[in-house]
PDB file of N, CA and C in Angstrom:
ATOM      1  N   UNK A   1     -11.044 -12.986  -8.546  1.00  0.00           N
ATOM      2  CA  UNK A   1     -11.898 -11.815  -8.499  1.00  0.00           C
ATOM      3  C   UNK A   1     -13.291 -12.271  -8.078  1.00  0.00           C
ATOM      4  N   UNK A   2     -13.859 -11.529  -7.165  1.00  0.00           N
ATOM      5  CA  UNK A   2     -15.219 -11.775  -6.698  1.00  0.00           C
ATOM      6  C   UNK A   2     -15.929 -10.431  -6.767  1.00  0.00           C
ATOM      7  N   UNK A   3     -16.697 -10.207  -7.860  1.00  0.00           N
ATOM      8  CA  UNK A   3     -17.223  -8.874  -8.111  1.00  0.00           C
ATOM      9  C   UNK A   3     -18.456  -8.931  -8.997  1.00  0.00           C
ATOM     10  N   UNK A   4     -19.449  -8.123  -8.659  1.00  0.00           N
ATOM     11  CA  UNK A   4     -20.644  -7.933  -9.488  1.00  0.00           C
ATOM     12  C   UNK A   4     -20.648  -6.479  -9.960  1.00  0.00           C
ATOM     13  N   UNK A   5     -21.445  -6.204 -10.979  1.00  0.00           N
ATOM     14  CA  UNK A   5     -21.610  -4.820 -11.426  1.00  0.00           C
ATOM     15  C   UNK A   5     -22.162  -3.965 -10.292  1.00  0.00           C
ATOM     16  N   UNK A   6     -21.707  -2.720 -10.238  1.00  0.00           N
ATOM     17  CA  UNK A   6     -22.188  -1.732  -9.266  1.00  0.00           C
ATOM     18  C   UNK A   6     -22.035  -2.173  -7.813  1.00  0.00           C
ATOM     19  N   UNK A   7     -20.940  -2.817  -7.497  1.00  0.00           N
ATOM     20  CA  UNK A   7     -20.678  -3.222  -6.110  1.00  0.00           C
ATOM     21  C   UNK A   7     -20.661  -1.988  -5.215  1.00  0.00           C
ATOM     22  N   UNK A   8     -21.091  -2.163  -3.972  1.00  0.00           N
ATOM     23  CA  UNK A   8     -21.076  -1.039  -3.040  1.00  0.00           C
ATOM     24  C   UNK A   8     -19.646  -0.596  -2.762  1.00  0.00           C
ATOM     25  N   UNK A   9     -18.730  -1.563  -2.666  1.00  0.00           N
ATOM     26  CA  UNK A   9     -17.318  -1.251  -2.455  1.00  0.00           C
ATOM     27  C   UNK A   9     -16.491  -2.382  -3.065  1.00  0.00           C
ATOM     28  N   UNK A  10     -15.377  -2.026  -3.674  1.00  0.00           N
ATOM     29  CA  UNK A  10     -14.423  -2.997  -4.201  1.00  0.00           C
ATOM     30  C   UNK A  10     -13.158  -2.901  -3.361  1.00  0.00           C
ATOM     31  N   UNK A  11     -12.842  -3.976  -2.625  1.00  0.00           N
ATOM     32  CA  UNK A  11     -11.629  -4.022  -1.824  1.00  0.00           C
ATOM     33  C   UNK A  11     -10.504  -4.587  -2.685  1.00  0.00           C
ATOM     34  N   UNK A  12      -9.382  -3.864  -2.747  1.00  0.00           N
ATOM     35  CA  UNK A  12      -8.245  -4.241  -3.574  1.00  0.00           C
ATOM     36  C   UNK A  12      -7.065  -4.584  -2.675  1.00  0.00           C
ATOM     37  N   UNK A  13      -6.709  -5.868  -2.643  1.00  0.00           N
ATOM     38  CA  UNK A  13      -5.520  -6.318  -1.916  1.00  0.00           C
ATOM     39  C   UNK A  13      -4.346  -6.394  -2.877  1.00  0.00           C
ATOM     40  N   UNK A  14      -3.136  -6.434  -2.354  1.00  0.00           N
ATOM     41  CA  UNK A  14      -1.953  -6.415  -3.219  1.00  0.00           C
ATOM     42  C   UNK A  14      -1.793  -7.725  -3.981  1.00  0.00           C
ATOM     43  N   UNK A  15      -1.797  -8.871  -3.292  1.00  0.00           N
ATOM     44  CA  UNK A  15      -1.700 -10.174  -3.952  1.00  0.00           C
ATOM     45  C   UNK A  15      -1.943 -11.277  -2.921  1.00  0.00           C
ATOM     46  N   UNK A  16      -2.243 -12.490  -3.394  1.00  0.00           N
ATOM     47  CA  UNK A  16      -2.500 -13.577  -2.450  1.00  0.00           C
ATOM     48  C   UNK A  16      -1.231 -14.036  -1.735  1.00  0.00           C
ATOM     49  N   UNK A  17      -1.423 -14.615  -0.588  1.00  0.00           N
ATOM     50  CA  UNK A  17      -0.338 -15.196   0.191  1.00  0.00           C
ATOM     51  C   UNK A  17      -0.063 -16.616  -0.293  1.00  0.00           C
ATOM     52  N   UNK A  18       1.118 -17.117   0.021  1.00  0.00           N
ATOM     53  CA  UNK A  18       1.428 -18.517  -0.258  1.00  0.00           C
ATOM     54  C   UNK A  18       0.755 -19.437   0.760  1.00  0.00           C
ATOM     55  N   UNK A  19       0.355 -18.881   1.898  1.00  0.00           N
ATOM     56  CA  UNK A  19      -0.307 -19.671   2.938  1.00  0.00           C
ATOM     57  C   UNK A  19      -1.683 -20.124   2.467  1.00  0.00           C
ATOM     58  N   UNK A  20      -2.134 -21.292   2.928  1.00  0.00           N
ATOM     59  CA  UNK A  20      -3.496 -21.725   2.597  1.00  0.00           C
ATOM     60  C   UNK A  20      -4.501 -20.666   3.055  1.00  0.00           C
ATOM     61  N   UNK A  21      -5.510 -20.423   2.225  1.00  0.00           N
ATOM     62  CA  UNK A  21      -6.434 -19.330   2.492  1.00  0.00           C
ATOM     63  C   UNK A  21      -7.876 -19.769   2.297  1.00  0.00           C
ATOM     64  N   UNK A  22      -8.761 -19.128   3.034  1.00  0.00           N
ATOM     65  CA  UNK A  22     -10.199 -19.317   2.878  1.00  0.00           C
ATOM     66  C   UNK A  22     -10.752 -18.122   2.111  1.00  0.00           C
ATOM     67  N   UNK A  23     -10.298 -17.896   0.890  1.00  0.00           N
ATOM     68  CA  UNK A  23     -10.780 -16.780   0.095  1.00  0.00           C
ATOM     69  C   UNK A  23      -9.913 -15.542   0.264  1.00  0.00           C
ATOM     70  N   UNK A  24     -10.445 -14.405  -0.147  1.00  0.00           N
ATOM     71  CA  UNK A  24      -9.707 -13.149  -0.062  1.00  0.00           C
ATOM     72  C   UNK A  24      -9.476 -12.775   1.406  1.00  0.00           C
ATOM     73  N   UNK A  25      -8.265 -12.359   1.730  1.00  0.00           N
ATOM     74  CA  UNK A  25      -7.880 -11.942   3.090  1.00  0.00           C
ATOM     75  C   UNK A  25      -8.185 -13.045   4.104  1.00  0.00           C
ATOM     76  N   UNK A  26      -8.113 -14.317   3.671  1.00  0.00           N
ATOM     77  CA  UNK A  26      -8.555 -15.420   4.513  1.00  0.00           C
ATOM     78  C   UNK A  26      -7.470 -16.260   5.142  1.00  0.00           C
ATOM     79  N   UNK A  27      -6.234 -15.758   5.196  1.00  0.00           N
ATOM     80  CA  UNK A  27      -5.198 -16.522   5.880  1.00  0.00           C
ATOM     81  C   UNK A  27      -5.367 -16.349   7.388  1.00  0.00           C
ATOM     82  N   UNK A  28      -4.900 -17.317   8.159  1.00  0.00           N
ATOM     83  CA  UNK A  28      -5.096 -17.244   9.615  1.00  0.00           C
ATOM     84  C   UNK A  28      -4.582 -15.950  10.272  1.00  0.00           C
ATOM     85  N   UNK A  29      -3.497 -15.391   9.757  1.00  0.00           N
ATOM     86  CA  UNK A  29      -2.924 -14.179  10.363  1.00  0.00           C
ATOM     87  C   UNK A  29      -3.637 -12.900   9.936  1.00  0.00           C
ATOM     88  N   UNK A  30      -4.385 -12.948   8.847  1.00  0.00           N
ATOM     89  CA  UNK A  30      -5.000 -11.740   8.310  1.00  0.00           C
ATOM     90  C   UNK A  30      -6.215 -11.345   9.141  1.00  0.00           C
ATOM     91  N   UNK A  31      -6.222 -10.124   9.617  1.00  0.00           N
ATOM     92  CA  UNK A  31      -7.283  -9.630  10.499  1.00  0.00           C
ATOM     93  C   UNK A  31      -8.324  -8.789   9.760  1.00  0.00           C
ATOM     94  N   UNK A  32      -8.301  -8.792   8.436  1.00  0.00           N
ATOM     95  CA  UNK A  32      -9.175  -7.931   7.652  1.00  0.00           C
ATOM     96  C   UNK A  32     -10.642  -8.054   8.061  1.00  0.00           C
ATOM     97  N   UNK A  33     -11.188  -9.269   8.012  1.00  0.00           N
ATOM     98  CA  UNK A  33     -12.612  -9.425   8.288  1.00  0.00           C
ATOM     99  C   UNK A  33     -12.962  -9.178   9.752  1.00  0.00           C
ATOM    100  N   UNK A  34     -12.114  -9.597  10.677  1.00  0.00           N
ATOM    101  CA  UNK A  34     -12.419  -9.352  12.091  1.00  0.00           C
ATOM    102  C   UNK A  34     -12.383  -7.857  12.398  1.00  0.00           C
ATOM    103  N   UNK A  35     -11.459  -7.117  11.801  1.00  0.00           N
ATOM    104  CA  UNK A  35     -11.397  -5.671  12.024  1.00  0.00           C
ATOM    105  C   UNK A  35     -12.559  -4.945  11.339  1.00  0.00           C
ATOM    106  N   UNK A  36     -12.901  -5.378  10.136  1.00  0.00           N
ATOM    107  CA  UNK A  36     -14.020  -4.762   9.429  1.00  0.00           C
ATOM    108  C   UNK A  36     -15.327  -4.996  10.192  1.00  0.00           C
ATOM    109  N   UNK A  37     -15.481  -6.192  10.713  1.00  0.00           N
ATOM    110  CA  UNK A  37     -16.674  -6.521  11.503  1.00  0.00           C
ATOM    111  C   UNK A  37     -16.692  -5.710  12.801  1.00  0.00           C
ATOM    112  N   UNK A  38     -15.554  -5.612  13.482  1.00  0.00           N
ATOM    113  CA  UNK A  38     -15.467  -4.849  14.733  1.00  0.00           C
ATOM    114  C   UNK A  38     -15.743  -3.362  14.513  1.00  0.00           C
ATOM    115  N   UNK A  39     -15.454  -2.878  13.308  1.00  0.00           N
ATOM    116  CA  UNK A  39     -15.685  -1.461  13.013  1.00  0.00           C
ATOM    117  C   UNK A  39     -17.172  -1.137  12.884  1.00  0.00           C
ATOM    118  N   UNK A  40     -17.988  -2.167  12.693  1.00  0.00           N
ATOM    119  CA  UNK A  40     -19.412  -1.953  12.497  1.00  0.00           C
ATOM    120  C   UNK A  40     -19.763  -1.683  11.050  1.00  0.00           C
ATOM    121  N   UNK A  41     -18.773  -1.747  10.159  1.00  0.00           N
ATOM    122  CA  UNK A  41     -19.012  -1.494   8.740  1.00  0.00           C
ATOM    123  C   UNK A  41     -19.989  -2.519   8.166  1.00  0.00           C
ATOM    124  N   UNK A  42     -19.815  -3.765   8.535  1.00  0.00           N
ATOM    125  CA  UNK A  42     -20.763  -4.821   8.187  1.00  0.00           C
ATOM    126  C   UNK A  42     -20.462  -6.043   9.042  1.00  0.00           C
ATOM    127  N   UNK A  43     -21.343  -7.024   9.009  1.00  0.00           N
ATOM    128  CA  UNK A  43     -21.243  -8.169   9.909  1.00  0.00           C
ATOM    129  C   UNK A  43     -21.023  -9.490   9.174  1.00  0.00           C
ATOM    130  N   UNK A  44     -20.197  -9.520   8.163  1.00  0.00           N
ATOM    131  CA  UNK A  44     -19.916 -10.745   7.419  1.00  0.00           C
ATOM    132  C   UNK A  44     -18.664 -11.422   7.968  1.00  0.00           C
ATOM    133  N   UNK A  45     -18.650 -12.739   7.887  1.00  0.00           N
ATOM    134  CA  UNK A  45     -17.525 -13.526   8.390  1.00  0.00           C
ATOM    135  C   UNK A  45     -16.459 -13.789   7.328  1.00  0.00           C
ATOM    136  N   UNK A  46     -16.825 -13.643   6.053  1.00  0.00           N
ATOM    137  CA  UNK A  46     -15.877 -13.970   4.985  1.00  0.00           C
ATOM    138  C   UNK A  46     -16.273 -13.262   3.693  1.00  0.00           C
ATOM    139  N   UNK A  47     -15.460 -13.453   2.660  1.00  0.00           N
ATOM    140  CA  UNK A  47     -15.703 -12.750   1.405  1.00  0.00           C
ATOM    141  C   UNK A  47     -16.985 -13.195   0.704  1.00  0.00           C
ATOM    142  N   UNK A  48     -17.371 -14.451   0.839  1.00  0.00           N
ATOM    143  CA  UNK A  48     -18.583 -14.926   0.174  1.00  0.00           C
ATOM    144  C   UNK A  48     -19.818 -14.245   0.732  1.00  0.00           C
ATOM    145  N   UNK A  49     -19.913 -14.162   2.058  1.00  0.00           N
ATOM    146  CA  UNK A  49     -21.054 -13.494   2.687  1.00  0.00           C
ATOM    147  C   UNK A  49     -21.044 -12.006   2.335  1.00  0.00           C
ATOM    148  N   UNK A  50     -19.887 -11.388   2.393  1.00  0.00           N
ATOM    149  CA  UNK A  50     -19.783  -9.960   2.066  1.00  0.00           C
ATOM    150  C   UNK A  50     -20.218  -9.703   0.623  1.00  0.00           C
ATOM    151  N   UNK A  51     -19.841 -10.593  -0.254  1.00  0.00           N
ATOM    152  CA  UNK A  51     -20.182 -10.458  -1.671  1.00  0.00           C
ATOM    153  C   UNK A  51     -21.684 -10.663  -1.899  1.00  0.00           C
ATOM    154  N   UNK A  52     -22.221 -11.731  -1.355  1.00  0.00           N
ATOM    155  CA  UNK A  52     -23.622 -12.092  -1.598  1.00  0.00           C
ATOM    156  C   UNK A  52     -24.593 -11.155  -0.886  1.00  0.00           C
ATOM    157  N   UNK A  53     -24.334 -10.871   0.386  1.00  0.00           N
ATOM    158  CA  UNK A  53     -25.293 -10.113   1.203  1.00  0.00           C
ATOM    159  C   UNK A  53     -25.097  -8.608   1.082  1.00  0.00           C
ATOM    160  N   UNK A  54     -23.847  -8.162   1.063  1.00  0.00           N
ATOM    161  CA  UNK A  54     -23.560  -6.734   1.110  1.00  0.00           C
ATOM    162  C   UNK A  54     -23.100  -6.156  -0.223  1.00  0.00           C
ATOM    163  N   UNK A  55     -23.066  -6.955  -1.269  1.00  0.00           N
ATOM    164  CA  UNK A  55     -22.655  -6.520  -2.599  1.00  0.00           C
ATOM    165  C   UNK A  55     -21.261  -5.888  -2.605  1.00  0.00           C
ATOM    166  N   UNK A  56     -20.341  -6.520  -1.883  1.00  0.00           N
ATOM    167  CA  UNK A  56     -18.955  -6.063  -1.853  1.00  0.00           C
ATOM    168  C   UNK A  56     -18.140  -6.925  -2.803  1.00  0.00           C
ATOM    169  N   UNK A  57     -17.123  -6.323  -3.396  1.00  0.00           N
ATOM    170  CA  UNK A  57     -16.259  -7.044  -4.304  1.00  0.00           C
ATOM    171  C   UNK A  57     -14.839  -7.128  -3.778  1.00  0.00           C
ATOM    172  N   UNK A  58     -14.107  -8.101  -4.289  1.00  0.00           N
ATOM    173  CA  UNK A  58     -12.732  -8.344  -3.857  1.00  0.00           C
ATOM    174  C   UNK A  58     -11.879  -8.682  -5.063  1.00  0.00           C
ATOM    175  N   UNK A  59     -10.689  -8.110  -5.100  1.00  0.00           N
ATOM    176  CA  UNK A  59      -9.763  -8.381  -6.195  1.00  0.00           C
ATOM    177  C   UNK A  59      -8.337  -8.237  -5.669  1.00  0.00           C
ATOM    178  N   UNK A  60      -7.435  -8.979  -6.277  1.00  0.00           N
ATOM    179  CA  UNK A  60      -6.012  -8.813  -5.999  1.00  0.00           C
ATOM    180  C   UNK A  60      -5.410  -7.928  -7.077  1.00  0.00           C
ATOM    181  N   UNK A  61      -4.558  -7.027  -6.670  1.00  0.00           N
ATOM    182  CA  UNK A  61      -3.856  -6.162  -7.621  1.00  0.00           C
ATOM    183  C   UNK A  61      -3.028  -7.020  -8.573  1.00  0.00           C
ATOM    184  N   UNK A  62      -2.351  -8.016  -8.019  1.00  0.00           N
ATOM    185  CA  UNK A  62      -1.594  -9.012  -8.775  1.00  0.00           C
ATOM    186  C   UNK A  62      -2.084 -10.379  -8.305  1.00  0.00           C
ATOM    187  N   UNK A  63      -2.362 -11.278  -9.219  1.00  0.00           N
ATOM    188  CA  UNK A  63      -2.920 -12.581  -8.843  1.00  0.00           C
ATOM    189  C   UNK A  63      -1.886 -13.609  -8.395  1.00  0.00           C
ATOM    190  N   UNK A  64      -0.603 -13.369  -8.645  1.00  0.00           N
ATOM    191  CA  UNK A  64       0.424 -14.355  -8.301  1.00  0.00           C
ATOM    192  C   UNK A  64       0.674 -14.376  -6.798  1.00  0.00           C
ATOM    193  N   UNK A  65       0.512 -15.546  -6.165  1.00  0.00           N
ATOM    194  CA  UNK A  65       0.826 -15.655  -4.734  1.00  0.00           C
ATOM    195  C   UNK A  65       2.332 -15.524  -4.492  1.00  0.00           C
ATOM    196  N   UNK A  66       2.695 -14.814  -3.431  1.00  0.00           N
ATOM    197  CA  UNK A  66       4.099 -14.676  -3.049  1.00  0.00           C
ATOM    198  C   UNK A  66       4.204 -14.721  -1.523  1.00  0.00           C
ATOM    199  N   UNK A  67       5.420 -14.920  -1.050  1.00  0.00           N
ATOM    200  CA  UNK A  67       5.666 -14.896   0.384  1.00  0.00           C
ATOM    201  C   UNK A  67       5.499 -13.473   0.916  1.00  0.00           C
ATOM    202  N   UNK A  68       5.908 -12.495   0.113  1.00  0.00           N
ATOM    203  CA  UNK A  68       5.856 -11.093   0.509  1.00  0.00           C
ATOM    204  C   UNK A  68       5.534 -10.238  -0.718  1.00  0.00           C
ATOM    205  N   UNK A  69       4.903  -9.108  -0.475  1.00  0.00           N
ATOM    206  CA  UNK A  69       4.626  -8.190  -1.592  1.00  0.00           C
ATOM    207  C   UNK A  69       5.917  -7.677  -2.220  1.00  0.00           C
ATOM    208  N   UNK A  70       7.022  -7.747  -1.485  1.00  0.00           N
ATOM    209  CA  UNK A  70       8.313  -7.305  -2.008  1.00  0.00           C
ATOM    210  C   UNK A  70       8.790  -8.186  -3.165  1.00  0.00           C
ATOM    211  N   UNK A  71       8.177  -9.373  -3.305  1.00  0.00           N
ATOM    212  CA  UNK A  71       8.558 -10.296  -4.373  1.00  0.00           C
ATOM    213  C   UNK A  71       7.889  -9.966  -5.705  1.00  0.00           C
ATOM    214  N   UNK A  72       7.035  -8.968  -5.722  1.00  0.00           N
ATOM    215  CA  UNK A  72       6.350  -8.582  -6.954  1.00  0.00           C
ATOM    216  C   UNK A  72       7.242  -7.692  -7.808  1.00  0.00           C
ATOM    217  N   UNK A  73       7.235  -7.937  -9.113  1.00  0.00           N
ATOM    218  CA  UNK A  73       8.059  -7.150 -10.027  1.00  0.00           C
ATOM    219  C   UNK A  73       7.314  -5.949 -10.583  1.00  0.00           C
ATOM    220  N   UNK A  74       8.079  -5.016 -11.148  1.00  0.00           N
ATOM    221  CA  UNK A  74       7.494  -3.803 -11.724  1.00  0.00           C
ATOM    222  C   UNK A  74       6.518  -4.118 -12.849  1.00  0.00           C
ATOM    223  N   UNK A  75       6.841  -5.126 -13.666  1.00  0.00           N
ATOM    224  CA  UNK A  75       5.943  -5.512 -14.761  1.00  0.00           C
ATOM    225  C   UNK A  75       4.595  -5.976 -14.215  1.00  0.00           C
ATOM    226  N   UNK A  76       4.624  -6.779 -13.167  1.00  0.00           N
ATOM    227  CA  UNK A  76       3.379  -7.269 -12.567  1.00  0.00           C
ATOM    228  C   UNK A  76       2.549  -6.121 -12.005  1.00  0.00           C
ATOM    229  N   UNK A  77       3.221  -5.181 -11.364  1.00  0.00           N
ATOM    230  CA  UNK A  77       2.516  -4.037 -10.787  1.00  0.00           C
ATOM    231  C   UNK A  77       1.943  -3.139 -11.883  1.00  0.00           C
ATOM    232  N   UNK A  78       2.689  -2.966 -12.972  1.00  0.00           N
ATOM    233  CA  UNK A  78       2.184  -2.173 -14.095  1.00  0.00           C
ATOM    234  C   UNK A  78       0.948  -2.829 -14.700  1.00  0.00           C
ATOM    235  N   UNK A  79       0.994  -4.130 -14.853  1.00  0.00           N
ATOM    236  CA  UNK A  79      -0.158  -4.857 -15.393  1.00  0.00           C
ATOM    237  C   UNK A  79      -1.332  -4.777 -14.412  1.00  0.00           C
ATOM    238  N   UNK A  80      -1.046  -4.853 -13.123  1.00  0.00           N
ATOM    239  CA  UNK A  80      -2.099  -4.724 -12.109  1.00  0.00           C
ATOM    240  C   UNK A  80      -2.803  -3.376 -12.191  1.00  0.00           C
ATOM    241  N   UNK A  81      -2.041  -2.335 -12.449  1.00  0.00           N
ATOM    242  CA  UNK A  81      -2.612  -0.991 -12.579  1.00  0.00           C
ATOM    243  C   UNK A  81      -3.564  -0.928 -13.773  1.00  0.00           C
ATOM    244  N   UNK A  82      -3.114  -1.426 -14.914  1.00  0.00           N
ATOM    245  CA  UNK A  82      -3.969  -1.427 -16.113  1.00  0.00           C
ATOM    246  C   UNK A  82      -5.211  -2.286 -15.895  1.00  0.00           C
ATOM    247  N   UNK A  83      -5.013  -3.445 -15.297  1.00  0.00           N
ATOM    248  CA  UNK A  83      -6.115  -4.374 -15.058  1.00  0.00           C
ATOM    249  C   UNK A  83      -7.162  -3.764 -14.141  1.00  0.00           C
ATOM    250  N   UNK A  84      -6.719  -3.143 -13.055  1.00  0.00           N
ATOM    251  CA  UNK A  84      -7.662  -2.533 -12.119  1.00  0.00           C
ATOM    252  C   UNK A  84      -8.446  -1.402 -12.797  1.00  0.00           C
ATOM    253  N   UNK A  85      -7.774  -0.593 -13.576  1.00  0.00           N
ATOM    254  CA  UNK A  85      -8.470   0.485 -14.289  1.00  0.00           C
ATOM    255  C   UNK A  85      -9.567  -0.080 -15.197  1.00  0.00           C
ATOM    256  N   UNK A  86      -9.250  -1.156 -15.912  1.00  0.00           N
ATOM    257  CA  UNK A  86     -10.234  -1.776 -16.796  1.00  0.00           C
ATOM    258  C   UNK A  86     -11.405  -2.363 -16.012  1.00  0.00           C
ATOM    259  N   UNK A  87     -11.111  -3.004 -14.903  1.00  0.00           N
ATOM    260  CA  UNK A  87     -12.163  -3.615 -14.082  1.00  0.00           C
ATOM    261  C   UNK A  87     -13.080  -2.554 -13.499  1.00  0.00           C
ATOM    262  N   UNK A  88     -12.513  -1.465 -13.015  1.00  0.00           N
ATOM    263  CA  UNK A  88     -13.333  -0.379 -12.448  1.00  0.00           C
ATOM    264  C   UNK A  88     -14.224   0.221 -13.530  1.00  0.00           C
ATOM    265  N   UNK A  89     -13.671   0.415 -14.716  1.00  0.00           N
ATOM    266  CA  UNK A  89     -14.486   0.954 -15.816  1.00  0.00           C
ATOM    267  C   UNK A  89     -15.616  -0.001 -16.194  1.00  0.00           C
ATOM    268  N   UNK A  90     -15.326  -1.285 -16.212  1.00  0.00           N
ATOM    269  CA  UNK A  90     -16.333  -2.269 -16.628  1.00  0.00           C
ATOM    270  C   UNK A  90     -17.399  -2.509 -15.559  1.00  0.00           C
ATOM    271  N   UNK A  91     -16.998  -2.682 -14.309  1.00  0.00           N
ATOM    272  CA  UNK A  91     -17.928  -3.086 -13.247  1.00  0.00           C
ATOM    273  C   UNK A  91     -18.532  -1.911 -12.476  1.00  0.00           C
ATOM    274  N   UNK A  92     -17.922  -0.743 -12.563  1.00  0.00           N
ATOM    275  CA  UNK A  92     -18.469   0.475 -11.953  1.00  0.00           C
ATOM    276  C   UNK A  92     -18.784   0.361 -10.454  1.00  0.00           C
ATOM    277  N   UNK A  93     -17.820  -0.077  -9.626  1.00  0.00           N
ATOM    278  CA  UNK A  93     -18.093  -0.090  -8.182  1.00  0.00           C
ATOM    279  C   UNK A  93     -18.283   1.337  -7.674  1.00  0.00           C
ATOM    280  N   UNK A  94     -19.092   1.491  -6.635  1.00  0.00           N
ATOM    281  CA  UNK A  94     -19.338   2.838  -6.100  1.00  0.00           C
ATOM    282  C   UNK A  94     -18.104   3.395  -5.401  1.00  0.00           C
ATOM    283  N   UNK A  95     -17.357   2.527  -4.716  1.00  0.00           N
ATOM    284  CA  UNK A  95     -16.153   2.934  -3.980  1.00  0.00           C
ATOM    285  C   UNK A  95     -15.072   1.886  -4.224  1.00  0.00           C
ATOM    286  N   UNK A  96     -13.827   2.349  -4.390  1.00  0.00           N
ATOM    287  CA  UNK A  96     -12.677   1.450  -4.471  1.00  0.00           C
ATOM    288  C   UNK A  96     -11.848   1.687  -3.219  1.00  0.00           C
ATOM    289  N   UNK A  97     -11.609   0.620  -2.465  1.00  0.00           N
ATOM    290  CA  UNK A  97     -10.865   0.715  -1.206  1.00  0.00           C
ATOM    291  C   UNK A  97      -9.602  -0.128  -1.312  1.00  0.00           C
ATOM    292  N   UNK A  98      -8.446   0.523  -1.224  1.00  0.00           N
ATOM    293  CA  UNK A  98      -7.176  -0.190  -1.263  1.00  0.00           C
ATOM    294  C   UNK A  98      -6.867  -0.724   0.129  1.00  0.00           C
ATOM    295  N   UNK A  99      -6.579  -2.022   0.197  1.00  0.00           N
ATOM    296  CA  UNK A  99      -6.222  -2.655   1.463  1.00  0.00           C
ATOM    297  C   UNK A  99      -4.704  -2.778   1.467  1.00  0.00           C
ATOM    298  N   UNK A 100      -4.062  -1.777   2.031  1.00  0.00           N
ATOM    299  CA  UNK A 100      -2.606  -1.720   2.031  1.00  0.00           C
ATOM    300  C   UNK A 100      -2.104  -0.537   1.229  1.00  0.00           C
ATOM    301  N   UNK A 101      -0.916  -0.080   1.568  1.00  0.00           N
ATOM    302  CA  UNK A 101      -0.364   1.129   0.963  1.00  0.00           C
ATOM    303  C   UNK A 101       0.262   0.913  -0.405  1.00  0.00           C
ATOM    304  N   UNK A 102       0.870  -0.259  -0.609  1.00  0.00           N
ATOM    305  CA  UNK A 102       1.655  -0.433  -1.828  1.00  0.00           C
ATOM    306  C   UNK A 102       0.796  -0.345  -3.083  1.00  0.00           C
ATOM    307  N   UNK A 103      -0.315  -1.058  -3.141  1.00  0.00           N
ATOM    308  CA  UNK A 103      -1.127  -0.990  -4.365  1.00  0.00           C
ATOM    309  C   UNK A 103      -1.759   0.383  -4.523  1.00  0.00           C
ATOM    310  N   UNK A 104      -2.090   1.028  -3.421  1.00  0.00           N
ATOM    311  CA  UNK A 104      -2.643   2.384  -3.496  1.00  0.00           C
ATOM    312  C   UNK A 104      -1.608   3.337  -4.074  1.00  0.00           C
ATOM    313  N   UNK A 105      -0.401   3.299  -3.555  1.00  0.00           N
ATOM    314  CA  UNK A 105       0.654   4.183  -4.058  1.00  0.00           C
ATOM    315  C   UNK A 105       0.955   3.901  -5.520  1.00  0.00           C
ATOM    316  N   UNK A 106       1.000   2.632  -5.881  1.00  0.00           N
ATOM    317  CA  UNK A 106       1.324   2.295  -7.259  1.00  0.00           C
ATOM    318  C   UNK A 106       0.206   2.726  -8.198  1.00  0.00           C
ATOM    319  N   UNK A 107      -1.037   2.557  -7.777  1.00  0.00           N
ATOM    320  CA  UNK A 107      -2.166   2.950  -8.624  1.00  0.00           C
ATOM    321  C   UNK A 107      -2.199   4.455  -8.838  1.00  0.00           C
ATOM    322  N   UNK A 108      -1.832   5.215  -7.820  1.00  0.00           N
ATOM    323  CA  UNK A 108      -1.903   6.670  -7.904  1.00  0.00           C
ATOM    324  C   UNK A 108      -0.607   7.307  -8.406  1.00  0.00           C
ATOM    325  N   UNK A 109       0.420   6.493  -8.681  1.00  0.00           N
ATOM    326  CA  UNK A 109       1.714   7.005  -9.132  1.00  0.00           C
ATOM    327  C   UNK A 109       1.571   7.759 -10.450  1.00  0.00           C
ATOM    328  N   UNK A 110       2.168   8.920 -10.512  1.00  0.00           N
ATOM    329  CA  UNK A 110       2.201   9.711 -11.741  1.00  0.00           C
ATOM    330  C   UNK A 110       3.659  10.062 -12.007  1.00  0.00           C
ATOM    331  N   UNK A 111       4.156   9.604 -13.151  1.00  0.00           N
ATOM    332  CA  UNK A 111       5.562   9.861 -13.502  1.00  0.00           C
ATOM    333  C   UNK A 111       5.830  11.360 -13.555  1.00  0.00           C
ATOM    334  N   UNK A 112       7.009  11.756 -13.094  1.00  0.00           N
ATOM    335  CA  UNK A 112       7.414  13.151 -13.157  1.00  0.00           C
ATOM    336  C   UNK A 112       6.899  14.004 -12.003  1.00  0.00           C
ATOM    337  N   UNK A 113       6.296  13.382 -10.992  1.00  0.00           N
ATOM    338  CA  UNK A 113       5.821  14.123  -9.823  1.00  0.00           C
ATOM    339  C   UNK A 113       6.466  13.550  -8.580  1.00  0.00           C
ATOM    340  N   UNK A 114       6.285  14.235  -7.445  1.00  0.00           N
ATOM    341  CA  UNK A 114       6.856  13.745  -6.189  1.00  0.00           C
ATOM    342  C   UNK A 114       6.093  12.528  -5.658  1.00  0.00           C
ATOM    343  N   UNK A 115       4.806  12.420  -5.990  1.00  0.00           N
ATOM    344  CA  UNK A 115       3.994  11.284  -5.580  1.00  0.00           C
ATOM    345  C   UNK A 115       3.984  11.085  -4.075  1.00  0.00           C
ATOM    346  N   UNK A 116       4.002  12.159  -3.324  1.00  0.00           N
ATOM    347  CA  UNK A 116       3.919  12.046  -1.871  1.00  0.00           C
ATOM    348  C   UNK A 116       2.472  11.809  -1.474  1.00  0.00           C
ATOM    349  N   UNK A 117       2.203  10.661  -0.919  1.00  0.00           N
ATOM    350  CA  UNK A 117       0.858  10.322  -0.462  1.00  0.00           C
ATOM    351  C   UNK A 117       0.912  10.185   1.048  1.00  0.00           C
ATOM    352  N   UNK A 118       0.088  10.918   1.735  1.00  0.00           N
ATOM    353  CA  UNK A 118       0.034  10.829   3.197  1.00  0.00           C
ATOM    354  C   UNK A 118      -1.115   9.928   3.584  1.00  0.00           C
ATOM    355  N   UNK A 119      -0.855   9.025   4.528  1.00  0.00           N
ATOM    356  CA  UNK A 119      -1.883   8.109   5.013  1.00  0.00           C
ATOM    357  C   UNK A 119      -2.260   8.484   6.441  1.00  0.00           C
ATOM    358  N   UNK A 120      -3.461   8.148   6.798  1.00  0.00           N
ATOM    359  CA  UNK A 120      -3.944   8.420   8.152  1.00  0.00           C
ATOM    360  C   UNK A 120      -4.900   9.596   8.146  1.00  0.00           C
ATOM    361  N   UNK A 121      -5.353   9.927   9.325  1.00  0.00           N
ATOM    362  CA  UNK A 121      -6.324  11.004   9.460  1.00  0.00           C
ATOM    363  C   UNK A 121      -5.646  12.339   9.685  1.00  0.00           C
TER     364      UNK A 121
END
C-alpha cells in the first residue's frame, strides 16, 4: 500500500503479478502509467512520483501475487472487500478508482440482486 491521508485519488488494482515489478502496475507489460500519462491526467513515470508529487495512492485488492486474477479465491476477495472499506474510511481519499473490472464488480456486489454493472461510456 502506498497511501497518505486525503489522497487525491486511490487506484485499486486486483493483485500483484508474479513477474518482477517496479512498484504498483510496474511490470513490463502493464501500460497503466504510460496510458495515464498519455491521457494528460498527470505526468508521473511511476507510483513513487505519483504518490509524492500528485498525492495519489495505490493499493492491491488482494496482496498475494498470482499468475492470473483467476487464481484468487472467494475468501481472499471477501477479505479484500472488507480491507478496502476500512482503508477508505481511515484514509479518506477523494476518489477511488478501480483499475480493472473484477475488483470493481466484487466491491460493488450486493447479495440478492442482479449486480449488472455496465462499463464504458
